PDB file of all heavy atoms in Angstrom:
ATOM      1  N   ASP A   1     -45.423 -65.334 -67.300  1.00  0.00           N
ATOM      2  CA  ASP A   1     -45.014 -64.396 -66.317  1.00  0.00           C
ATOM      3  C   ASP A   1     -45.617 -63.087 -66.633  1.00  0.00           C
ATOM      4  O   ASP A   1     -46.047 -62.342 -65.653  1.00  0.00           O
ATOM      5  CB  ASP A   1     -43.489 -64.378 -66.181  1.00  0.00           C
ATOM      6  CG  ASP A   1     -42.881 -65.750 -65.721  1.00  0.00           C
ATOM      7  OD1 ASP A   1     -43.532 -66.388 -64.951  1.00  0.00           O
ATOM      8  OD2 ASP A   1     -41.794 -66.029 -66.147  1.00  0.00           O
ATOM      9  N   LYS A   2     -45.625 -62.720 -67.814  1.00  0.00           N
ATOM     10  CA  LYS A   2     -46.133 -61.309 -68.128  1.00  0.00           C
ATOM     11  C   LYS A   2     -47.728 -61.375 -68.012  1.00  0.00           C
ATOM     12  O   LYS A   2     -48.260 -60.286 -67.723  1.00  0.00           O
ATOM     13  CB  LYS A   2     -45.793 -60.920 -69.494  1.00  0.00           C
ATOM     14  CG  LYS A   2     -44.461 -60.301 -69.580  1.00  0.00           C
ATOM     15  CD  LYS A   2     -44.312 -59.114 -68.758  1.00  0.00           C
ATOM     16  CE  LYS A   2     -42.968 -58.749 -68.225  1.00  0.00           C
ATOM     17  NZ  LYS A   2     -42.966 -57.840 -67.092  1.00  0.00           N
ATOM     18  N   VAL A   3     -48.370 -62.436 -68.260  1.00  0.00           N
ATOM     19  CA  VAL A   3     -49.722 -62.518 -67.882  1.00  0.00           C
ATOM     20  C   VAL A   3     -50.014 -62.179 -66.439  1.00  0.00           C
ATOM     21  O   VAL A   3     -50.909 -61.421 -66.073  1.00  0.00           O
ATOM     22  CB  VAL A   3     -50.391 -63.886 -68.267  1.00  0.00           C
ATOM     23  CG1 VAL A   3     -51.810 -64.085 -67.676  1.00  0.00           C
ATOM     24  CG2 VAL A   3     -50.252 -64.181 -69.690  1.00  0.00           C
ATOM     25  N   CYS A   4     -49.154 -62.749 -65.603  1.00  0.00           N
ATOM     26  CA  CYS A   4     -49.360 -62.518 -64.086  1.00  0.00           C
ATOM     27  C   CYS A   4     -49.144 -61.100 -63.830  1.00  0.00           C
ATOM     28  O   CYS A   4     -49.731 -60.350 -62.964  1.00  0.00           O
ATOM     29  CB  CYS A   4     -48.367 -63.346 -63.392  1.00  0.00           C
ATOM     30  SG  CYS A   4     -48.863 -65.111 -63.499  1.00  0.00           S
ATOM     31  N   ASP A   5     -47.981 -60.520 -64.428  1.00  0.00           N
ATOM     32  CA  ASP A   5     -47.631 -59.046 -64.102  1.00  0.00           C
ATOM     33  C   ASP A   5     -48.825 -58.122 -64.498  1.00  0.00           C
ATOM     34  O   ASP A   5     -49.205 -57.231 -63.859  1.00  0.00           O
ATOM     35  CB  ASP A   5     -46.383 -58.610 -64.921  1.00  0.00           C
ATOM     36  CG  ASP A   5     -45.106 -59.194 -64.313  1.00  0.00           C
ATOM     37  OD1 ASP A   5     -45.191 -59.715 -63.127  1.00  0.00           O
ATOM     38  OD2 ASP A   5     -44.074 -59.219 -65.040  1.00  0.00           O
ATOM     39  N   GLN A   6     -49.416 -58.457 -65.682  1.00  0.00           N
ATOM     40  CA  GLN A   6     -50.565 -57.572 -66.149  1.00  0.00           C
ATOM     41  C   GLN A   6     -51.826 -57.713 -65.266  1.00  0.00           C
ATOM     42  O   GLN A   6     -52.581 -56.783 -65.009  1.00  0.00           O
ATOM     43  CB  GLN A   6     -50.815 -57.855 -67.596  1.00  0.00           C
ATOM     44  CG  GLN A   6     -49.762 -57.479 -68.579  1.00  0.00           C
ATOM     45  CD  GLN A   6     -49.892 -58.039 -69.915  1.00  0.00           C
ATOM     46  OE1 GLN A   6     -50.486 -57.506 -70.911  1.00  0.00           O
ATOM     47  NE2 GLN A   6     -49.343 -59.235 -70.023  1.00  0.00           N
ATOM     48  N   ILE A   7     -52.075 -58.953 -64.838  1.00  0.00           N
ATOM     49  CA  ILE A   7     -53.187 -59.189 -63.960  1.00  0.00           C
ATOM     50  C   ILE A   7     -52.982 -58.397 -62.605  1.00  0.00           C
ATOM     51  O   ILE A   7     -53.885 -57.605 -62.147  1.00  0.00           O
ATOM     52  CB  ILE A   7     -53.481 -60.661 -63.662  1.00  0.00           C
ATOM     53  CG1 ILE A   7     -53.962 -61.349 -64.923  1.00  0.00           C
ATOM     54  CG2 ILE A   7     -54.336 -60.820 -62.476  1.00  0.00           C
ATOM     55  CD1 ILE A   7     -54.004 -62.852 -64.725  1.00  0.00           C
ATOM     56  N   SER A   8     -51.823 -58.502 -62.043  1.00  0.00           N
ATOM     57  CA  SER A   8     -51.463 -57.876 -60.845  1.00  0.00           C
ATOM     58  C   SER A   8     -51.554 -56.358 -60.947  1.00  0.00           C
ATOM     59  O   SER A   8     -52.184 -55.675 -60.043  1.00  0.00           O
ATOM     60  CB  SER A   8     -50.145 -58.225 -60.285  1.00  0.00           C
ATOM     61  OG  SER A   8     -50.030 -59.586 -59.951  1.00  0.00           O
ATOM     62  N   ASP A   9     -51.049 -55.754 -62.065  1.00  0.00           N
ATOM     63  CA  ASP A   9     -51.185 -54.361 -62.229  1.00  0.00           C
ATOM     64  C   ASP A   9     -52.558 -53.927 -62.629  1.00  0.00           C
ATOM     65  O   ASP A   9     -52.925 -52.713 -62.348  1.00  0.00           O
ATOM     66  CB  ASP A   9     -50.149 -53.902 -63.293  1.00  0.00           C
ATOM     67  CG  ASP A   9     -48.759 -53.570 -62.667  1.00  0.00           C
ATOM     68  OD1 ASP A   9     -48.729 -53.305 -61.514  1.00  0.00           O
ATOM     69  OD2 ASP A   9     -47.727 -53.665 -63.380  1.00  0.00           O
ATOM     70  N   ALA A  10     -53.366 -54.710 -63.319  1.00  0.00           N
ATOM     71  CA  ALA A  10     -54.726 -54.443 -63.590  1.00  0.00           C
ATOM     72  C   ALA A  10     -55.493 -54.234 -62.359  1.00  0.00           C
ATOM     73  O   ALA A  10     -56.348 -53.332 -62.205  1.00  0.00           O
ATOM     74  CB  ALA A  10     -55.297 -55.404 -64.548  1.00  0.00           C
ATOM     75  N   ILE A  11     -55.183 -55.129 -61.421  1.00  0.00           N
ATOM     76  CA  ILE A  11     -55.947 -55.063 -60.056  1.00  0.00           C
ATOM     77  C   ILE A  11     -55.440 -53.749 -59.396  1.00  0.00           C
ATOM     78  O   ILE A  11     -56.267 -53.102 -58.784  1.00  0.00           O
ATOM     79  CB  ILE A  11     -55.548 -56.295 -59.169  1.00  0.00           C
ATOM     80  CG1 ILE A  11     -56.191 -57.508 -59.850  1.00  0.00           C
ATOM     81  CG2 ILE A  11     -55.961 -56.100 -57.764  1.00  0.00           C
ATOM     82  CD1 ILE A  11     -55.633 -58.840 -59.285  1.00  0.00           C
ATOM     83  N   LEU A  12     -54.166 -53.426 -59.406  1.00  0.00           N
ATOM     84  CA  LEU A  12     -53.646 -52.144 -58.828  1.00  0.00           C
ATOM     85  C   LEU A  12     -54.433 -51.019 -59.432  1.00  0.00           C
ATOM     86  O   LEU A  12     -54.799 -50.100 -58.674  1.00  0.00           O
ATOM     87  CB  LEU A  12     -52.151 -52.097 -59.024  1.00  0.00           C
ATOM     88  CG  LEU A  12     -51.539 -50.743 -58.554  1.00  0.00           C
ATOM     89  CD1 LEU A  12     -51.658 -50.575 -57.090  1.00  0.00           C
ATOM     90  CD2 LEU A  12     -50.071 -50.750 -59.063  1.00  0.00           C
ATOM     91  N   ASP A  13     -54.490 -50.925 -60.734  1.00  0.00           N
ATOM     92  CA  ASP A  13     -55.066 -49.861 -61.414  1.00  0.00           C
ATOM     93  C   ASP A  13     -56.573 -49.650 -60.910  1.00  0.00           C
ATOM     94  O   ASP A  13     -56.984 -48.520 -60.668  1.00  0.00           O
ATOM     95  CB  ASP A  13     -55.175 -50.090 -62.978  1.00  0.00           C
ATOM     96  CG  ASP A  13     -53.888 -49.724 -63.635  1.00  0.00           C
ATOM     97  OD1 ASP A  13     -53.121 -48.987 -63.119  1.00  0.00           O
ATOM     98  OD2 ASP A  13     -53.578 -50.308 -64.737  1.00  0.00           O
ATOM     99  N   GLU A  14     -57.247 -50.780 -60.804  1.00  0.00           N
ATOM    100  CA  GLU A  14     -58.688 -50.700 -60.350  1.00  0.00           C
ATOM    101  C   GLU A  14     -58.708 -50.040 -58.992  1.00  0.00           C
ATOM    102  O   GLU A  14     -59.593 -49.252 -58.721  1.00  0.00           O
ATOM    103  CB  GLU A  14     -59.283 -52.095 -60.350  1.00  0.00           C
ATOM    104  CG  GLU A  14     -59.803 -52.529 -61.669  1.00  0.00           C
ATOM    105  CD  GLU A  14     -61.000 -51.784 -62.271  1.00  0.00           C
ATOM    106  OE1 GLU A  14     -61.954 -51.513 -61.467  1.00  0.00           O
ATOM    107  OE2 GLU A  14     -60.969 -51.372 -63.415  1.00  0.00           O
ATOM    108  N   PHE A  15     -57.896 -50.557 -58.061  1.00  0.00           N
ATOM    109  CA  PHE A  15     -58.007 -50.002 -56.700  1.00  0.00           C
ATOM    110  C   PHE A  15     -57.550 -48.648 -56.645  1.00  0.00           C
ATOM    111  O   PHE A  15     -58.206 -47.819 -55.963  1.00  0.00           O
ATOM    112  CB  PHE A  15     -57.083 -50.931 -55.835  1.00  0.00           C
ATOM    113  CG  PHE A  15     -57.774 -52.138 -55.283  1.00  0.00           C
ATOM    114  CD1 PHE A  15     -57.461 -53.365 -55.776  1.00  0.00           C
ATOM    115  CD2 PHE A  15     -58.652 -52.048 -54.249  1.00  0.00           C
ATOM    116  CE1 PHE A  15     -58.220 -54.511 -55.331  1.00  0.00           C
ATOM    117  CE2 PHE A  15     -59.380 -53.136 -53.690  1.00  0.00           C
ATOM    118  CZ  PHE A  15     -59.107 -54.348 -54.247  1.00  0.00           C
ATOM    119  N   LEU A  16     -56.520 -48.223 -57.275  1.00  0.00           N
ATOM    120  CA  LEU A  16     -56.019 -46.795 -57.216  1.00  0.00           C
ATOM    121  C   LEU A  16     -57.022 -45.868 -57.950  1.00  0.00           C
ATOM    122  O   LEU A  16     -57.211 -44.746 -57.448  1.00  0.00           O
ATOM    123  CB  LEU A  16     -54.726 -46.596 -57.889  1.00  0.00           C
ATOM    124  CG  LEU A  16     -53.501 -47.264 -57.048  1.00  0.00           C
ATOM    125  CD1 LEU A  16     -52.195 -47.044 -57.868  1.00  0.00           C
ATOM    126  CD2 LEU A  16     -53.366 -46.718 -55.742  1.00  0.00           C
ATOM    127  N   THR A  17     -57.726 -46.361 -58.941  1.00  0.00           N
ATOM    128  CA  THR A  17     -58.695 -45.508 -59.606  1.00  0.00           C
ATOM    129  C   THR A  17     -59.865 -45.223 -58.625  1.00  0.00           C
ATOM    130  O   THR A  17     -60.417 -44.113 -58.565  1.00  0.00           O
ATOM    131  CB  THR A  17     -59.266 -46.202 -60.807  1.00  0.00           C
ATOM    132  OG1 THR A  17     -58.207 -46.322 -61.771  1.00  0.00           O
ATOM    133  CG2 THR A  17     -60.390 -45.395 -61.561  1.00  0.00           C
ATOM    134  N   LYS A  18     -60.279 -46.182 -57.849  1.00  0.00           N
ATOM    135  CA  LYS A  18     -61.420 -46.068 -56.916  1.00  0.00           C
ATOM    136  C   LYS A  18     -61.013 -45.401 -55.570  1.00  0.00           C
ATOM    137  O   LYS A  18     -61.775 -44.790 -54.916  1.00  0.00           O
ATOM    138  CB  LYS A  18     -62.089 -47.390 -56.712  1.00  0.00           C
ATOM    139  CG  LYS A  18     -62.745 -47.938 -57.945  1.00  0.00           C
ATOM    140  CD  LYS A  18     -63.510 -49.272 -57.766  1.00  0.00           C
ATOM    141  CE  LYS A  18     -64.230 -49.731 -58.975  1.00  0.00           C
ATOM    142  NZ  LYS A  18     -64.874 -51.021 -58.778  1.00  0.00           N
ATOM    143  N   ASP A  19     -59.751 -45.714 -55.122  1.00  0.00           N
ATOM    144  CA  ASP A  19     -59.234 -45.242 -53.875  1.00  0.00           C
ATOM    145  C   ASP A  19     -57.796 -45.110 -54.043  1.00  0.00           C
ATOM    146  O   ASP A  19     -56.995 -45.997 -53.843  1.00  0.00           O
ATOM    147  CB  ASP A  19     -59.543 -46.190 -52.711  1.00  0.00           C
ATOM    148  CG  ASP A  19     -58.902 -45.749 -51.374  1.00  0.00           C
ATOM    149  OD1 ASP A  19     -58.466 -44.548 -51.282  1.00  0.00           O
ATOM    150  OD2 ASP A  19     -58.791 -46.517 -50.469  1.00  0.00           O
ATOM    151  N   LYS A  20     -57.334 -43.857 -54.309  1.00  0.00           N
ATOM    152  CA  LYS A  20     -55.946 -43.607 -54.630  1.00  0.00           C
ATOM    153  C   LYS A  20     -54.966 -43.867 -53.441  1.00  0.00           C
ATOM    154  O   LYS A  20     -53.763 -43.940 -53.644  1.00  0.00           O
ATOM    155  CB  LYS A  20     -55.768 -42.193 -55.160  1.00  0.00           C
ATOM    156  CG  LYS A  20     -55.963 -41.044 -54.108  1.00  0.00           C
ATOM    157  CD  LYS A  20     -55.662 -39.695 -54.731  1.00  0.00           C
ATOM    158  CE  LYS A  20     -55.833 -38.502 -53.727  1.00  0.00           C
ATOM    159  NZ  LYS A  20     -55.558 -37.223 -54.371  1.00  0.00           N
ATOM    160  N   PHE A  21     -55.510 -43.988 -52.262  1.00  0.00           N
ATOM    161  CA  PHE A  21     -54.688 -44.335 -51.171  1.00  0.00           C
ATOM    162  C   PHE A  21     -54.676 -45.802 -50.774  1.00  0.00           C
ATOM    163  O   PHE A  21     -54.172 -46.231 -49.752  1.00  0.00           O
ATOM    164  CB  PHE A  21     -55.154 -43.493 -49.848  1.00  0.00           C
ATOM    165  CG  PHE A  21     -54.957 -42.049 -49.966  1.00  0.00           C
ATOM    166  CD1 PHE A  21     -55.997 -41.181 -50.237  1.00  0.00           C
ATOM    167  CD2 PHE A  21     -53.731 -41.478 -49.965  1.00  0.00           C
ATOM    168  CE1 PHE A  21     -55.835 -39.855 -50.401  1.00  0.00           C
ATOM    169  CE2 PHE A  21     -53.471 -40.129 -50.116  1.00  0.00           C
ATOM    170  CZ  PHE A  21     -54.571 -39.328 -50.334  1.00  0.00           C
ATOM    171  N   SER A  22     -55.114 -46.593 -51.729  1.00  0.00           N
ATOM    172  CA  SER A  22     -55.116 -48.079 -51.542  1.00  0.00           C
ATOM    173  C   SER A  22     -53.732 -48.600 -51.329  1.00  0.00           C
ATOM    174  O   SER A  22     -52.791 -48.041 -51.874  1.00  0.00           O
ATOM    175  CB  SER A  22     -55.705 -48.769 -52.782  1.00  0.00           C
ATOM    176  OG  SER A  22     -57.070 -48.434 -52.958  1.00  0.00           O
ATOM    177  N   ARG A  23     -53.595 -49.482 -50.395  1.00  0.00           N
ATOM    178  CA  ARG A  23     -52.250 -50.232 -50.204  1.00  0.00           C
ATOM    179  C   ARG A  23     -52.482 -51.565 -50.850  1.00  0.00           C
ATOM    180  O   ARG A  23     -53.353 -52.401 -50.403  1.00  0.00           O
ATOM    181  CB  ARG A  23     -52.062 -50.354 -48.703  1.00  0.00           C
ATOM    182  CG  ARG A  23     -51.768 -49.041 -48.068  1.00  0.00           C
ATOM    183  CD  ARG A  23     -50.444 -48.353 -48.447  1.00  0.00           C
ATOM    184  NE  ARG A  23     -50.290 -47.034 -47.819  1.00  0.00           N
ATOM    185  CZ  ARG A  23     -50.010 -46.727 -46.583  1.00  0.00           C
ATOM    186  NH1 ARG A  23     -49.803 -47.726 -45.660  1.00  0.00           N
ATOM    187  NH2 ARG A  23     -49.908 -45.543 -46.157  1.00  0.00           N
ATOM    188  N   VAL A  24     -51.711 -51.823 -51.782  1.00  0.00           N
ATOM    189  CA  VAL A  24     -51.857 -53.073 -52.689  1.00  0.00           C
ATOM    190  C   VAL A  24     -50.587 -53.768 -52.843  1.00  0.00           C
ATOM    191  O   VAL A  24     -49.585 -53.205 -53.146  1.00  0.00           O
ATOM    192  CB  VAL A  24     -52.509 -52.718 -54.086  1.00  0.00           C
ATOM    193  CG1 VAL A  24     -52.724 -53.936 -54.928  1.00  0.00           C
ATOM    194  CG2 VAL A  24     -53.806 -51.824 -53.946  1.00  0.00           C
ATOM    195  N   ALA A  25     -50.608 -55.112 -52.550  1.00  0.00           N
ATOM    196  CA  ALA A  25     -49.533 -56.058 -52.884  1.00  0.00           C
ATOM    197  C   ALA A  25     -50.298 -57.307 -53.394  1.00  0.00           C
ATOM    198  O   ALA A  25     -50.585 -58.154 -52.749  1.00  0.00           O
ATOM    199  CB  ALA A  25     -48.725 -56.341 -51.703  1.00  0.00           C
ATOM    200  N   ALA A  26     -50.495 -57.218 -54.727  1.00  0.00           N
ATOM    201  CA  ALA A  26     -51.197 -58.356 -55.360  1.00  0.00           C
ATOM    202  C   ALA A  26     -50.221 -59.222 -56.139  1.00  0.00           C
ATOM    203  O   ALA A  26     -49.561 -58.808 -57.119  1.00  0.00           O
ATOM    204  CB  ALA A  26     -52.274 -57.773 -56.287  1.00  0.00           C
ATOM    205  N   GLU A  27     -50.237 -60.491 -55.826  1.00  0.00           N
ATOM    206  CA  GLU A  27     -49.445 -61.463 -56.525  1.00  0.00           C
ATOM    207  C   GLU A  27     -50.317 -62.466 -57.335  1.00  0.00           C
ATOM    208  O   GLU A  27     -51.352 -62.849 -56.812  1.00  0.00           O
ATOM    209  CB  GLU A  27     -48.611 -62.301 -55.474  1.00  0.00           C
ATOM    210  CG  GLU A  27     -47.742 -61.416 -54.578  1.00  0.00           C
ATOM    211  CD  GLU A  27     -46.629 -60.745 -55.255  1.00  0.00           C
ATOM    212  OE1 GLU A  27     -46.171 -61.160 -56.396  1.00  0.00           O
ATOM    213  OE2 GLU A  27     -46.029 -59.808 -54.610  1.00  0.00           O
ATOM    214  N   THR A  28     -49.895 -62.862 -58.394  1.00  0.00           N
ATOM    215  CA  THR A  28     -50.607 -63.764 -59.303  1.00  0.00           C
ATOM    216  C   THR A  28     -49.830 -64.921 -59.745  1.00  0.00           C
ATOM    217  O   THR A  28     -48.633 -64.702 -60.103  1.00  0.00           O
ATOM    218  CB  THR A  28     -51.213 -62.986 -60.574  1.00  0.00           C
ATOM    219  OG1 THR A  28     -51.978 -61.814 -60.134  1.00  0.00           O
ATOM    220  CG2 THR A  28     -52.074 -63.868 -61.336  1.00  0.00           C
ATOM    221  N   THR A  29     -50.382 -66.093 -59.870  1.00  0.00           N
ATOM    222  CA  THR A  29     -49.852 -67.236 -60.539  1.00  0.00           C
ATOM    223  C   THR A  29     -50.859 -67.827 -61.421  1.00  0.00           C
ATOM    224  O   THR A  29     -52.036 -67.841 -61.125  1.00  0.00           O
ATOM    225  CB  THR A  29     -49.262 -68.196 -59.540  1.00  0.00           C
ATOM    226  OG1 THR A  29     -48.567 -69.284 -60.236  1.00  0.00           O
ATOM    227  CG2 THR A  29     -50.411 -68.851 -58.690  1.00  0.00           C
ATOM    228  N   VAL A  30     -50.432 -68.229 -62.610  1.00  0.00           N
ATOM    229  CA  VAL A  30     -51.301 -68.945 -63.536  1.00  0.00           C
ATOM    230  C   VAL A  30     -50.605 -70.222 -63.963  1.00  0.00           C
ATOM    231  O   VAL A  30     -49.514 -70.462 -64.045  1.00  0.00           O
ATOM    232  CB  VAL A  30     -51.532 -68.021 -64.790  1.00  0.00           C
ATOM    233  CG1 VAL A  30     -52.258 -66.768 -64.403  1.00  0.00           C
ATOM    234  CG2 VAL A  30     -50.288 -67.750 -65.517  1.00  0.00           C
ATOM    235  N   THR A  31     -51.539 -71.157 -64.319  1.00  0.00           N
ATOM    236  CA  THR A  31     -51.133 -72.447 -64.878  1.00  0.00           C
ATOM    237  C   THR A  31     -52.396 -72.965 -65.716  1.00  0.00           C
ATOM    238  O   THR A  31     -53.344 -72.211 -65.819  1.00  0.00           O
ATOM    239  CB  THR A  31     -50.700 -73.454 -63.803  1.00  0.00           C
ATOM    240  OG1 THR A  31     -50.185 -74.619 -64.440  1.00  0.00           O
ATOM    241  CG2 THR A  31     -51.894 -73.867 -62.896  1.00  0.00           C
ATOM    242  N   THR A  32     -52.303 -74.088 -66.275  1.00  0.00           N
ATOM    243  CA  THR A  32     -53.372 -74.676 -67.057  1.00  0.00           C
ATOM    244  C   THR A  32     -54.763 -74.571 -66.425  1.00  0.00           C
ATOM    245  O   THR A  32     -54.841 -75.139 -65.362  1.00  0.00           O
ATOM    246  CB  THR A  32     -53.068 -75.950 -67.487  1.00  0.00           C
ATOM    247  OG1 THR A  32     -51.792 -76.176 -68.195  1.00  0.00           O
ATOM    248  CG2 THR A  32     -54.196 -76.549 -68.529  1.00  0.00           C
ATOM    249  N   GLY A  33     -55.551 -73.662 -66.974  1.00  0.00           N
ATOM    250  CA  GLY A  33     -57.034 -73.640 -66.453  1.00  0.00           C
ATOM    251  C   GLY A  33     -57.186 -72.929 -65.121  1.00  0.00           C
ATOM    252  O   GLY A  33     -58.316 -73.043 -64.606  1.00  0.00           O
ATOM    253  N   MET A  34     -56.220 -72.169 -64.580  1.00  0.00           N
ATOM    254  CA  MET A  34     -56.324 -71.559 -63.336  1.00  0.00           C
ATOM    255  C   MET A  34     -55.495 -70.305 -63.142  1.00  0.00           C
ATOM    256  O   MET A  34     -54.400 -70.264 -63.685  1.00  0.00           O
ATOM    257  CB  MET A  34     -55.868 -72.601 -62.275  1.00  0.00           C
ATOM    258  CG  MET A  34     -56.216 -72.094 -60.866  1.00  0.00           C
ATOM    259  SD  MET A  34     -55.438 -73.163 -59.538  1.00  0.00           S
ATOM    260  CE  MET A  34     -53.700 -72.739 -59.671  1.00  0.00           C
ATOM    261  N   ALA A  35     -56.062 -69.357 -62.495  1.00  0.00           N
ATOM    262  CA  ALA A  35     -55.373 -68.200 -62.047  1.00  0.00           C
ATOM    263  C   ALA A  35     -55.564 -67.953 -60.576  1.00  0.00           C
ATOM    264  O   ALA A  35     -56.732 -67.988 -60.114  1.00  0.00           O
ATOM    265  CB  ALA A  35     -55.859 -66.971 -62.816  1.00  0.00           C
ATOM    266  N   LEU A  36     -54.539 -67.748 -59.872  1.00  0.00           N
ATOM    267  CA  LEU A  36     -54.646 -67.551 -58.402  1.00  0.00           C
ATOM    268  C   LEU A  36     -54.110 -66.138 -58.082  1.00  0.00           C
ATOM    269  O   LEU A  36     -52.956 -65.826 -58.488  1.00  0.00           O
ATOM    270  CB  LEU A  36     -53.820 -68.603 -57.647  1.00  0.00           C
ATOM    271  CG  LEU A  36     -53.589 -68.287 -56.105  1.00  0.00           C
ATOM    272  CD1 LEU A  36     -54.917 -68.323 -55.395  1.00  0.00           C
ATOM    273  CD2 LEU A  36     -52.647 -69.308 -55.511  1.00  0.00           C
ATOM    274  N   VAL A  37     -54.950 -65.293 -57.358  1.00  0.00           N
ATOM    275  CA  VAL A  37     -54.477 -63.982 -56.984  1.00  0.00           C
ATOM    276  C   VAL A  37     -54.436 -64.094 -55.479  1.00  0.00           C
ATOM    277  O   VAL A  37     -55.407 -64.368 -54.737  1.00  0.00           O
ATOM    278  CB  VAL A  37     -55.478 -62.915 -57.357  1.00  0.00           C
ATOM    279  CG1 VAL A  37     -54.962 -61.515 -56.880  1.00  0.00           C
ATOM    280  CG2 VAL A  37     -55.523 -62.886 -58.961  1.00  0.00           C
ATOM    281  N   CYS A  38     -53.286 -63.698 -54.871  1.00  0.00           N
ATOM    282  CA  CYS A  38     -53.172 -63.668 -53.459  1.00  0.00           C
ATOM    283  C   CYS A  38     -52.338 -62.411 -53.017  1.00  0.00           C
ATOM    284  O   CYS A  38     -51.779 -61.684 -53.955  1.00  0.00           O
ATOM    285  CB  CYS A  38     -52.418 -64.918 -52.850  1.00  0.00           C
ATOM    286  SG  CYS A  38     -50.735 -65.152 -53.602  1.00  0.00           S
TER     287      CYS A  38
END
């Protein structure tokens, strides 16, 4: 679960760094061999 939290917030960090007015709602799920960002 914390892997997912960190991925979602890493995506947020990237968007806000490049465009501070970005509207972001990034959800992540991980399982064996796969990560899904939606």
